[in-house]
């Protein structure tokens, strides 16, 4: 069974930082686009960032551009999301997902049904 495992969430004050990790113990993330999504209480799940494999493409949702950085360590089979200058509106459950049909993040953005493997999520709370 394919698993994606997120970690790194927690409680942080506004302006603080967290680094989320997405590991795949049973599955290689090589060749696939991997994205982070988030779902805040009472809101729909939205795409946050995506990183491709074949072309190194990277995409960010507008509200996180300049604050969040996505990266991947292929040797560790892990994708990271470095989140700086966190705001209360970043509070949400964060999920990583892999799209085994695409190797690039170019084209239609954050099409959730195209991401066929998902993790269980990690909670991020930004509050003072």
Protein backbone atom coordinates (compact mmCIF):
# COMPACT_ATOMS: atom_id res chain seq x y z
CA UNK A 1 0.00 0.00 0.00
CA UNK A 2 1.37 3.37 -0.98
CA UNK A 3 1.85 5.77 1.86
CA UNK A 4 2.89 9.36 2.01
CA UNK A 5 3.83 10.54 5.48
CA UNK A 6 3.85 14.19 6.44
CA UNK A 7 5.63 15.58 9.48
CA UNK A 8 6.83 18.87 10.87
CA UNK A 9 3.57 20.57 11.73
CA UNK A 10 2.88 22.23 15.04
CA UNK A 11 2.02 25.44 16.83
CA UNK A 12 4.04 28.52 15.90
CA UNK A 13 3.69 32.22 16.55
CA UNK A 14 2.96 34.66 13.72
CA UNK A 15 6.16 35.44 11.89
CA UNK A 16 7.66 32.09 12.78
CA UNK A 17 8.81 29.22 10.60
CA UNK A 18 8.15 25.54 10.13
CA UNK A 19 9.50 22.95 7.74
CA UNK A 20 7.13 20.23 6.62
CA UNK A 21 8.41 16.95 5.25
CA UNK A 22 6.71 14.45 2.99
CA UNK A 23 8.27 11.00 2.93
CA UNK A 24 7.27 7.91 0.98
CA UNK A 25 8.51 4.81 2.80
CA UNK A 26 7.09 2.33 0.30
CA UNK A 27 7.06 4.28 -2.91
CA UNK A 28 9.53 6.24 -4.98
CA UNK A 29 8.68 9.86 -5.63
CA UNK A 30 11.07 9.89 -8.55
CA UNK A 31 9.53 10.97 -11.85
CA UNK A 32 6.39 12.39 -10.27
CA UNK A 33 5.08 15.83 -9.50
CA UNK A 34 4.49 16.30 -5.78
CA UNK A 35 2.34 19.02 -4.28
CA UNK A 36 1.32 20.41 -0.95
CA UNK A 37 -2.31 21.19 -0.30
CA UNK A 38 -3.97 22.63 2.77
CA UNK A 39 -7.41 22.76 4.26
CA UNK A 40 -8.38 25.36 6.80
CA UNK A 41 -11.38 24.90 9.10
CA UNK A 42 -14.57 25.50 7.19
CA UNK A 43 -12.79 25.94 3.87
CA UNK A 44 -12.13 23.83 0.83
CA UNK A 45 -8.78 22.20 0.30
CA UNK A 46 -6.49 24.32 -1.84
CA UNK A 47 -3.18 23.88 -3.56
CA UNK A 48 -0.16 25.52 -1.94
CA UNK A 49 2.88 24.48 -3.93
CA UNK A 50 4.00 21.95 -6.48
CA UNK A 51 7.40 20.63 -7.54
CA UNK A 52 8.09 18.71 -10.69
CA UNK A 53 10.73 16.12 -11.33
CA UNK A 54 11.62 16.09 -14.98
CA UNK A 55 11.87 19.83 -15.53
CA UNK A 56 12.37 21.20 -12.03
CA UNK A 57 9.14 23.17 -12.35
CA UNK A 58 7.87 24.86 -9.22
CA UNK A 59 4.57 26.58 -8.58
CA UNK A 60 3.19 28.50 -5.62
CA UNK A 61 -0.23 29.72 -4.69
CA UNK A 62 -0.17 33.51 -4.69
CA UNK A 63 -0.61 34.01 -0.95
CA UNK A 64 2.50 31.96 -0.11
CA UNK A 65 4.81 33.22 -2.84
CA UNK A 66 7.94 34.67 -1.30
CA UNK A 67 7.27 33.03 2.07
CA UNK A 68 7.17 29.31 1.30
CA UNK A 69 9.81 27.26 -0.49
CA UNK A 70 9.28 23.76 -1.84
CA UNK A 71 12.16 21.42 -2.48
CA UNK A 72 12.87 17.76 -2.96
CA UNK A 73 15.72 15.52 -1.95
CA UNK A 74 15.62 12.62 -4.34
CA UNK A 75 18.25 10.68 -2.41
CA UNK A 76 16.04 10.80 0.68
CA UNK A 77 12.84 10.36 -1.33
CA UNK A 78 11.40 13.35 0.51
CA UNK A 79 9.73 16.63 -0.42
CA UNK A 80 9.91 19.62 1.89
CA UNK A 81 7.92 22.76 2.40
CA UNK A 82 9.82 25.50 4.21
CA UNK A 83 7.32 27.98 5.56
CA UNK A 84 8.57 31.36 6.75
CA UNK A 85 6.79 34.50 7.93
CA UNK A 86 3.79 32.43 8.90
CA UNK A 87 0.45 34.16 9.33
CA UNK A 88 -2.66 33.10 11.23
CA UNK A 89 -4.37 32.52 7.87
CA UNK A 90 -1.82 29.78 7.15
CA UNK A 91 -3.45 27.71 9.88
CA UNK A 92 -4.65 24.48 8.28
CA UNK A 93 -4.06 20.79 7.83
CA UNK A 94 -1.32 20.36 5.26
CA UNK A 95 -1.28 17.38 2.93
CA UNK A 96 1.26 16.19 0.43
CA UNK A 97 0.18 14.36 -2.68
CA UNK A 98 1.87 12.69 -5.63
CA UNK A 99 0.68 12.76 -9.22
CA UNK A 100 1.91 9.63 -10.95
CA UNK A 101 0.51 10.81 -14.27
CA UNK A 102 2.62 13.93 -14.46
CA UNK A 103 6.26 14.71 -13.93
CA UNK A 104 5.88 18.46 -14.25
CA UNK A 105 3.93 21.18 -12.50
CA UNK A 106 3.50 23.13 -15.72
CA UNK A 107 -0.01 23.33 -17.08
CA UNK A 108 -3.28 23.16 -15.12
CA UNK A 109 -2.56 24.03 -11.50
CA UNK A 110 -3.36 21.93 -8.43
CA UNK A 111 -5.93 19.69 -10.08
CA UNK A 112 -6.66 17.60 -7.03
CA UNK A 113 -8.19 14.59 -8.72
CA UNK A 114 -4.98 14.14 -10.70
CA UNK A 115 -3.05 13.55 -7.49
CA UNK A 116 -3.63 9.90 -6.78
CA UNK A 117 -1.57 9.35 -3.63
CA UNK A 118 -2.15 11.39 -0.49
CA UNK A 119 -0.80 11.54 3.01
CA UNK A 120 -2.80 11.80 6.21
CA UNK A 121 -1.80 15.38 6.83
CA UNK A 122 0.01 17.40 9.44
CA UNK A 123 -1.59 20.22 11.36
CA UNK A 124 -0.15 23.72 11.33
CA UNK A 125 -1.46 26.31 13.77
CA UNK A 126 -0.23 29.89 13.67
CA UNK A 127 -1.32 31.76 16.76
CA UNK A 128 0.02 33.91 19.53
